[in-house]
């Protein structure tokens, strides 16, 4: 894959000593969404980046953006009930 993405690691440390994983309980919705998205086939999204010439800033990783989108839909749906 020729396109560079910004890093997308759930173990990435934050500006503070603990990692983001330490702040969420094991049964949190965000963990569930992350696990589900790991199972999705995102090859069509990745293919869209292959045709680009690579100029500009690094894009946010499609895995991260898909997790964020689905989590946002879940939270909004819960709030509307």
PDB file of N, CA and C in Angstrom:
ATOM      1  N   UNK A   1       0.853  -1.169   0.000  1.00  0.00           N
ATOM      2  CA  UNK A   1       0.000   0.000   0.000  1.00  0.00           C
ATOM      3  C   UNK A   1       0.899   1.231   0.000  1.00  0.00           C
ATOM      4  N   UNK A   2       0.709   2.134  -0.912  1.00  0.00           N
ATOM      5  CA  UNK A   2       1.593   3.278  -1.063  1.00  0.00           C
ATOM      6  C   UNK A   2       1.177   4.464  -0.198  1.00  0.00           C
ATOM      7  N   UNK A   3      -0.066   4.558   0.184  1.00  0.00           N
ATOM      8  CA  UNK A   3      -0.546   5.700   0.974  1.00  0.00           C
ATOM      9  C   UNK A   3      -0.123   5.568   2.422  1.00  0.00           C
ATOM     10  N   UNK A   4       0.350   6.667   2.985  1.00  0.00           N
ATOM     11  CA  UNK A   4       0.696   6.680   4.402  1.00  0.00           C
ATOM     12  C   UNK A   4      -0.523   7.104   5.204  1.00  0.00           C
ATOM     13  N   UNK A   5      -0.737   6.452   6.328  1.00  0.00           N
ATOM     14  CA  UNK A   5      -1.813   6.815   7.234  1.00  0.00           C
ATOM     15  C   UNK A   5      -1.208   7.245   8.557  1.00  0.00           C
ATOM     16  N   UNK A   6      -1.921   8.091   9.272  1.00  0.00           N
ATOM     17  CA  UNK A   6      -1.519   8.385  10.632  1.00  0.00           C
ATOM     18  C   UNK A   6      -1.657   7.096  11.426  1.00  0.00           C
ATOM     19  N   UNK A   7      -0.873   6.947  12.450  1.00  0.00           N
ATOM     20  CA  UNK A   7      -0.892   5.685  13.189  1.00  0.00           C
ATOM     21  C   UNK A   7      -2.235   5.473  13.871  1.00  0.00           C
ATOM     22  N   UNK A   8      -2.608   4.213  14.008  1.00  0.00           N
ATOM     23  CA  UNK A   8      -3.874   3.820  14.620  1.00  0.00           C
ATOM     24  C   UNK A   8      -3.586   2.643  15.541  1.00  0.00           C
ATOM     25  N   UNK A   9      -3.250   2.937  16.764  1.00  0.00           N
ATOM     26  CA  UNK A   9      -2.924   1.876  17.708  1.00  0.00           C
ATOM     27  C   UNK A   9      -3.722   2.079  18.980  1.00  0.00           C
ATOM     28  N   UNK A  10      -4.457   1.048  19.396  1.00  0.00           N
ATOM     29  CA  UNK A  10      -5.218   1.145  20.638  1.00  0.00           C
ATOM     30  C   UNK A  10      -4.299   1.154  21.855  1.00  0.00           C
ATOM     31  N   UNK A  11      -3.063   0.735  21.684  1.00  0.00           N
ATOM     32  CA  UNK A  11      -2.098   0.712  22.774  1.00  0.00           C
ATOM     33  C   UNK A  11      -1.246   1.976  22.823  1.00  0.00           C
ATOM     34  N   UNK A  12      -1.505   2.928  21.952  1.00  0.00           N
ATOM     35  CA  UNK A  12      -0.716   4.156  21.883  1.00  0.00           C
ATOM     36  C   UNK A  12      -0.844   4.933  23.184  1.00  0.00           C
ATOM     37  N   UNK A  13       0.271   5.322  23.785  1.00  0.00           N
ATOM     38  CA  UNK A  13       0.178   6.095  25.026  1.00  0.00           C
ATOM     39  C   UNK A  13      -0.324   7.502  24.757  1.00  0.00           C
ATOM     40  N   UNK A  14      -1.010   8.045  25.729  1.00  0.00           N
ATOM     41  CA  UNK A  14      -1.533   9.404  25.634  1.00  0.00           C
ATOM     42  C   UNK A  14      -0.479  10.360  26.186  1.00  0.00           C
ATOM     43  N   UNK A  15      -0.779  11.607  26.330  1.00  0.00           N
ATOM     44  CA  UNK A  15       0.174  12.540  26.903  1.00  0.00           C
ATOM     45  C   UNK A  15       0.434  12.254  28.380  1.00  0.00           C
ATOM     46  N   UNK A  16      -0.487  11.567  29.000  1.00  0.00           N
ATOM     47  CA  UNK A  16      -0.336  11.165  30.396  1.00  0.00           C
ATOM     48  C   UNK A  16       0.195   9.741  30.452  1.00  0.00           C
ATOM     49  N   UNK A  17       0.709   9.295  31.557  1.00  0.00           N
ATOM     50  CA  UNK A  17       1.300   7.954  31.632  1.00  0.00           C
ATOM     51  C   UNK A  17       0.399   6.785  31.229  1.00  0.00           C
ATOM     52  N   UNK A  18      -0.890   6.703  31.650  1.00  0.00           N
ATOM     53  CA  UNK A  18      -1.669   5.518  31.280  1.00  0.00           C
ATOM     54  C   UNK A  18      -2.062   5.517  29.806  1.00  0.00           C
ATOM     55  N   UNK A  19      -2.280   4.341  29.252  1.00  0.00           N
ATOM     56  CA  UNK A  19      -2.758   4.252  27.876  1.00  0.00           C
ATOM     57  C   UNK A  19      -4.274   4.413  27.867  1.00  0.00           C
ATOM     58  N   UNK A  20      -4.838   4.693  26.713  1.00  0.00           N
ATOM     59  CA  UNK A  20      -6.285   4.866  26.602  1.00  0.00           C
ATOM     60  C   UNK A  20      -7.026   3.593  26.980  1.00  0.00           C
ATOM     61  N   UNK A  21      -6.422   2.449  26.765  1.00  0.00           N
ATOM     62  CA  UNK A  21      -7.054   1.170  27.112  1.00  0.00           C
ATOM     63  C   UNK A  21      -7.301   1.058  28.614  1.00  0.00           C
ATOM     64  N   UNK A  22      -6.457   1.704  29.408  1.00  0.00           N
ATOM     65  CA  UNK A  22      -6.606   1.636  30.860  1.00  0.00           C
ATOM     66  C   UNK A  22      -7.805   2.436  31.357  1.00  0.00           C
ATOM     67  N   UNK A  23      -8.307   3.359  30.565  1.00  0.00           N
ATOM     68  CA  UNK A  23      -9.397   4.227  30.997  1.00  0.00           C
ATOM     69  C   UNK A  23     -10.774   3.641  30.736  1.00  0.00           C
ATOM     70  N   UNK A  24     -10.855   2.628  29.901  1.00  0.00           N
ATOM     71  CA  UNK A  24     -12.151   2.044  29.561  1.00  0.00           C
ATOM     72  C   UNK A  24     -12.355   0.719  30.271  1.00  0.00           C
ATOM     73  N   UNK A  25     -13.533   0.503  30.847  1.00  0.00           N
ATOM     74  CA  UNK A  25     -13.815  -0.813  31.419  1.00  0.00           C
ATOM     75  C   UNK A  25     -13.884  -1.870  30.312  1.00  0.00           C
ATOM     76  N   UNK A  26     -13.704  -3.104  30.683  1.00  0.00           N
ATOM     77  CA  UNK A  26     -13.692  -4.208  29.711  1.00  0.00           C
ATOM     78  C   UNK A  26     -14.999  -4.310  28.931  1.00  0.00           C
ATOM     79  N   UNK A  27     -16.108  -3.941  29.544  1.00  0.00           N
ATOM     80  CA  UNK A  27     -17.415  -4.090  28.882  1.00  0.00           C
ATOM     81  C   UNK A  27     -17.879  -2.809  28.190  1.00  0.00           C
ATOM     82  N   UNK A  28     -17.010  -1.853  27.967  1.00  0.00           N
ATOM     83  CA  UNK A  28     -17.394  -0.565  27.351  1.00  0.00           C
ATOM     84  C   UNK A  28     -17.756  -0.752  25.877  1.00  0.00           C
ATOM     85  N   UNK A  29     -18.712   0.041  25.425  1.00  0.00           N
ATOM     86  CA  UNK A  29     -19.188  -0.012  24.035  1.00  0.00           C
ATOM     87  C   UNK A  29     -18.059   0.247  23.037  1.00  0.00           C
ATOM     88  N   UNK A  30     -17.143   1.129  23.372  1.00  0.00           N
ATOM     89  CA  UNK A  30     -16.042   1.449  22.454  1.00  0.00           C
ATOM     90  C   UNK A  30     -15.169   0.220  22.184  1.00  0.00           C
ATOM     91  N   UNK A  31     -14.957  -0.600  23.181  1.00  0.00           N
ATOM     92  CA  UNK A  31     -14.175  -1.834  22.981  1.00  0.00           C
ATOM     93  C   UNK A  31     -14.937  -2.798  22.060  1.00  0.00           C
ATOM     94  N   UNK A  32     -16.246  -2.893  22.269  1.00  0.00           N
ATOM     95  CA  UNK A  32     -17.068  -3.767  21.435  1.00  0.00           C
ATOM     96  C   UNK A  32     -17.020  -3.316  19.975  1.00  0.00           C
ATOM     97  N   UNK A  33     -17.188  -2.018  19.742  1.00  0.00           N
ATOM     98  CA  UNK A  33     -17.166  -1.480  18.382  1.00  0.00           C
ATOM     99  C   UNK A  33     -15.800  -1.727  17.739  1.00  0.00           C
ATOM    100  N   UNK A  34     -14.718  -1.521  18.490  1.00  0.00           N
ATOM    101  CA  UNK A  34     -13.377  -1.751  17.955  1.00  0.00           C
ATOM    102  C   UNK A  34     -13.198  -3.208  17.541  1.00  0.00           C
ATOM    103  N   UNK A  35     -13.701  -4.130  18.349  1.00  0.00           N
ATOM    104  CA  UNK A  35     -13.586  -5.553  18.012  1.00  0.00           C
ATOM    105  C   UNK A  35     -14.386  -5.900  16.760  1.00  0.00           C
ATOM    106  N   UNK A  36     -15.579  -5.331  16.639  1.00  0.00           N
ATOM    107  CA  UNK A  36     -16.422  -5.601  15.475  1.00  0.00           C
ATOM    108  C   UNK A  36     -15.779  -5.050  14.204  1.00  0.00           C
ATOM    109  N   UNK A  37     -15.262  -3.834  14.260  1.00  0.00           N
ATOM    110  CA  UNK A  37     -14.668  -3.208  13.077  1.00  0.00           C
ATOM    111  C   UNK A  37     -13.426  -3.975  12.630  1.00  0.00           C
ATOM    112  N   UNK A  38     -12.710  -4.586  13.576  1.00  0.00           N
ATOM    113  CA  UNK A  38     -11.545  -5.399  13.202  1.00  0.00           C
ATOM    114  C   UNK A  38     -11.934  -6.562  12.297  1.00  0.00           C
ATOM    115  N   UNK A  39     -13.171  -6.987  12.369  1.00  0.00           N
ATOM    116  CA  UNK A  39     -13.653  -8.117  11.567  1.00  0.00           C
ATOM    117  C   UNK A  39     -14.205  -7.695  10.203  1.00  0.00           C
ATOM    118  N   UNK A  40     -14.384  -6.402   9.973  1.00  0.00           N
ATOM    119  CA  UNK A  40     -14.958  -5.925   8.707  1.00  0.00           C
ATOM    120  C   UNK A  40     -13.920  -5.923   7.594  1.00  0.00           C
ATOM    121  N   UNK A  41     -14.398  -6.076   6.377  1.00  0.00           N
ATOM    122  CA  UNK A  41     -13.542  -5.994   5.199  1.00  0.00           C
ATOM    123  C   UNK A  41     -13.551  -4.549   4.711  1.00  0.00           C
ATOM    124  N   UNK A  42     -12.465  -3.835   4.952  1.00  0.00           N
ATOM    125  CA  UNK A  42     -12.361  -2.426   4.564  1.00  0.00           C
ATOM    126  C   UNK A  42     -11.545  -2.250   3.292  1.00  0.00           C
ATOM    127  N   UNK A  43     -11.400  -3.306   2.510  1.00  0.00           N
ATOM    128  CA  UNK A  43     -10.553  -3.245   1.321  1.00  0.00           C
ATOM    129  C   UNK A  43     -11.044  -2.221   0.296  1.00  0.00           C
ATOM    130  N   UNK A  44     -12.345  -1.998   0.196  1.00  0.00           N
ATOM    131  CA  UNK A  44     -12.868  -0.994  -0.737  1.00  0.00           C
ATOM    132  C   UNK A  44     -12.434   0.415  -0.324  1.00  0.00           C
ATOM    133  N   UNK A  45     -12.388   0.659   0.965  1.00  0.00           N
ATOM    134  CA  UNK A  45     -11.945   1.966   1.451  1.00  0.00           C
ATOM    135  C   UNK A  45     -10.454   2.136   1.174  1.00  0.00           C
ATOM    136  N   UNK A  46      -9.659   1.104   1.494  1.00  0.00           N
ATOM    137  CA  UNK A  46      -8.217   1.168   1.241  1.00  0.00           C
ATOM    138  C   UNK A  46      -7.935   1.367  -0.256  1.00  0.00           C
ATOM    139  N   UNK A  47      -8.750   0.762  -1.105  1.00  0.00           N
ATOM    140  CA  UNK A  47      -8.538   0.871  -2.548  1.00  0.00           C
ATOM    141  C   UNK A  47      -8.697   2.308  -3.033  1.00  0.00           C
ATOM    142  N   UNK A  48      -9.539   3.078  -2.381  1.00  0.00           N
ATOM    143  CA  UNK A  48      -9.717   4.481  -2.762  1.00  0.00           C
ATOM    144  C   UNK A  48      -8.442   5.287  -2.556  1.00  0.00           C
ATOM    145  N   UNK A  49      -7.629   4.889  -1.592  1.00  0.00           N
ATOM    146  CA  UNK A  49      -6.377   5.594  -1.321  1.00  0.00           C
ATOM    147  C   UNK A  49      -5.268   5.188  -2.288  1.00  0.00           C
ATOM    148  N   UNK A  50      -5.372   4.012  -2.880  1.00  0.00           N
ATOM    149  CA  UNK A  50      -4.344   3.536  -3.800  1.00  0.00           C
ATOM    150  C   UNK A  50      -4.251   4.384  -5.058  1.00  0.00           C
ATOM    151  N   UNK A  51      -5.374   4.926  -5.516  1.00  0.00           N
ATOM    152  CA  UNK A  51      -5.385   5.713  -6.736  1.00  0.00           C
ATOM    153  C   UNK A  51      -4.862   7.131  -6.565  1.00  0.00           C
ATOM    154  N   UNK A  52      -4.619   7.544  -5.346  1.00  0.00           N
ATOM    155  CA  UNK A  52      -4.155   8.910  -5.091  1.00  0.00           C
ATOM    156  C   UNK A  52      -2.656   9.012  -5.318  1.00  0.00           C
ATOM    157  N   UNK A  53      -2.172  10.238  -5.499  1.00  0.00           N
ATOM    158  CA  UNK A  53      -0.754  10.435  -5.793  1.00  0.00           C
ATOM    159  C   UNK A  53       0.111  10.568  -4.539  1.00  0.00           C
ATOM    160  N   UNK A  54      -0.470  10.543  -3.356  1.00  0.00           N
ATOM    161  CA  UNK A  54       0.314  10.559  -2.123  1.00  0.00           C
ATOM    162  C   UNK A  54       0.682  11.940  -1.623  1.00  0.00           C
ATOM    163  N   UNK A  55       0.227  12.971  -2.295  1.00  0.00           N
ATOM    164  CA  UNK A  55       0.536  14.317  -1.828  1.00  0.00           C
ATOM    165  C   UNK A  55      -0.351  14.685  -0.650  1.00  0.00           C
ATOM    166  N   UNK A  56       0.069  15.682   0.096  1.00  0.00           N
ATOM    167  CA  UNK A  56      -0.723  16.170   1.216  1.00  0.00           C
ATOM    168  C   UNK A  56      -0.355  15.474   2.518  1.00  0.00           C
ATOM    169  N   UNK A  57      -1.058  15.836   3.555  1.00  0.00           N
ATOM    170  CA  UNK A  57      -0.810  15.253   4.867  1.00  0.00           C
ATOM    171  C   UNK A  57      -1.270  13.803   4.905  1.00  0.00           C
ATOM    172  N   UNK A  58      -0.715  13.073   5.836  1.00  0.00           N
ATOM    173  CA  UNK A  58      -1.142  11.686   6.032  1.00  0.00           C
ATOM    174  C   UNK A  58      -2.606  11.666   6.464  1.00  0.00           C
ATOM    175  N   UNK A  59      -3.362  10.738   5.915  1.00  0.00           N
ATOM    176  CA  UNK A  59      -4.783  10.624   6.245  1.00  0.00           C
ATOM    177  C   UNK A  59      -4.947   9.884   7.567  1.00  0.00           C
ATOM    178  N   UNK A  60      -6.087  10.093   8.190  1.00  0.00           N
ATOM    179  CA  UNK A  60      -6.418   9.275   9.351  1.00  0.00           C
ATOM    180  C   UNK A  60      -6.705   7.867   8.842  1.00  0.00           C
ATOM    181  N   UNK A  61      -6.321   6.888   9.609  1.00  0.00           N
ATOM    182  CA  UNK A  61      -6.468   5.493   9.203  1.00  0.00           C
ATOM    183  C   UNK A  61      -7.949   5.144   9.069  1.00  0.00           C
ATOM    184  N   UNK A  62      -8.328   4.480   7.977  1.00  0.00           N
ATOM    185  CA  UNK A  62      -9.735   4.104   7.779  1.00  0.00           C
ATOM    186  C   UNK A  62     -10.300   3.249   8.916  1.00  0.00           C
ATOM    187  N   UNK A  63      -9.474   2.445   9.536  1.00  0.00           N
ATOM    188  CA  UNK A  63      -9.934   1.628  10.664  1.00  0.00           C
ATOM    189  C   UNK A  63     -10.376   2.533  11.814  1.00  0.00           C
ATOM    190  N   UNK A  64      -9.581   3.534  12.122  1.00  0.00           N
ATOM    191  CA  UNK A  64      -9.911   4.483  13.185  1.00  0.00           C
ATOM    192  C   UNK A  64     -11.186   5.250  12.857  1.00  0.00           C
ATOM    193  N   UNK A  65     -11.282   5.733  11.628  1.00  0.00           N
ATOM    194  CA  UNK A  65     -12.448   6.528  11.242  1.00  0.00           C
ATOM    195  C   UNK A  65     -13.732   5.696  11.231  1.00  0.00           C
ATOM    196  N   UNK A  66     -13.636   4.428  10.828  1.00  0.00           N
ATOM    197  CA  UNK A  66     -14.810   3.549  10.839  1.00  0.00           C
ATOM    198  C   UNK A  66     -15.248   3.279  12.267  1.00  0.00           C
ATOM    199  N   UNK A  67     -14.283   3.044  13.159  1.00  0.00           N
ATOM    200  CA  UNK A  67     -14.622   2.846  14.578  1.00  0.00           C
ATOM    201  C   UNK A  67     -15.324   4.081  15.135  1.00  0.00           C
ATOM    202  N   UNK A  68     -14.786   5.238  14.842  1.00  0.00           N
ATOM    203  CA  UNK A  68     -15.355   6.488  15.351  1.00  0.00           C
ATOM    204  C   UNK A  68     -16.769   6.705  14.824  1.00  0.00           C
ATOM    205  N   UNK A  69     -16.976   6.466  13.543  1.00  0.00           N
ATOM    206  CA  UNK A  69     -18.291   6.640  12.932  1.00  0.00           C
ATOM    207  C   UNK A  69     -19.330   5.704  13.554  1.00  0.00           C
ATOM    208  N   UNK A  70     -18.989   4.425  13.664  1.00  0.00           N
ATOM    209  CA  UNK A  70     -19.935   3.462  14.229  1.00  0.00           C
ATOM    210  C   UNK A  70     -20.208   3.729  15.703  1.00  0.00           C
ATOM    211  N   UNK A  71     -19.183   4.108  16.447  1.00  0.00           N
ATOM    212  CA  UNK A  71     -19.379   4.438  17.865  1.00  0.00           C
ATOM    213  C   UNK A  71     -20.300   5.650  17.993  1.00  0.00           C
ATOM    214  N   UNK A  72     -20.090   6.649  17.156  1.00  0.00           N
ATOM    215  CA  UNK A  72     -20.950   7.832  17.185  1.00  0.00           C
ATOM    216  C   UNK A  72     -22.402   7.490  16.876  1.00  0.00           C
ATOM    217  N   UNK A  73     -22.622   6.623  15.885  1.00  0.00           N
ATOM    218  CA  UNK A  73     -23.991   6.186  15.577  1.00  0.00           C
ATOM    219  C   UNK A  73     -24.614   5.471  16.767  1.00  0.00           C
ATOM    220  N   UNK A  74     -23.854   4.601  17.412  1.00  0.00           N
ATOM    221  CA  UNK A  74     -24.370   3.858  18.566  1.00  0.00           C
ATOM    222  C   UNK A  74     -24.745   4.793  19.705  1.00  0.00           C
ATOM    223  N   UNK A  75     -23.885   5.748  20.013  1.00  0.00           N
ATOM    224  CA  UNK A  75     -24.137   6.662  21.112  1.00  0.00           C
ATOM    225  C   UNK A  75     -25.340   7.562  20.811  1.00  0.00           C
ATOM    226  N   UNK A  76     -25.438   8.056  19.587  1.00  0.00           N
ATOM    227  CA  UNK A  76     -26.580   8.895  19.219  1.00  0.00           C
ATOM    228  C   UNK A  76     -27.888   8.122  19.287  1.00  0.00           C
ATOM    229  N   UNK A  77     -27.859   6.885  18.853  1.00  0.00           N
ATOM    230  CA  UNK A  77     -29.049   6.040  18.893  1.00  0.00           C
ATOM    231  C   UNK A  77     -29.495   5.821  20.336  1.00  0.00           C
ATOM    232  N   UNK A  78     -28.541   5.595  21.223  1.00  0.00           N
ATOM    233  CA  UNK A  78     -28.846   5.398  22.645  1.00  0.00           C
ATOM    234  C   UNK A  78     -29.435   6.672  23.238  1.00  0.00           C
ATOM    235  N   UNK A  79     -28.881   7.811  22.874  1.00  0.00           N
ATOM    236  CA  UNK A  79     -29.343   9.089  23.431  1.00  0.00           C
ATOM    237  C   UNK A  79     -30.744   9.451  22.930  1.00  0.00           C
ATOM    238  N   UNK A  80     -31.106   9.020  21.735  1.00  0.00           N
ATOM    239  CA  UNK A  80     -32.409   9.350  21.170  1.00  0.00           C
ATOM    240  C   UNK A  80     -33.539   8.502  21.739  1.00  0.00           C
ATOM    241  N   UNK A  81     -33.204   7.409  22.397  1.00  0.00           N
ATOM    242  CA  UNK A  81     -34.245   6.537  22.960  1.00  0.00           C
ATOM    243  C   UNK A  81     -34.806   7.089  24.244  1.00  0.00           C
TER     244      UNK A  81
END
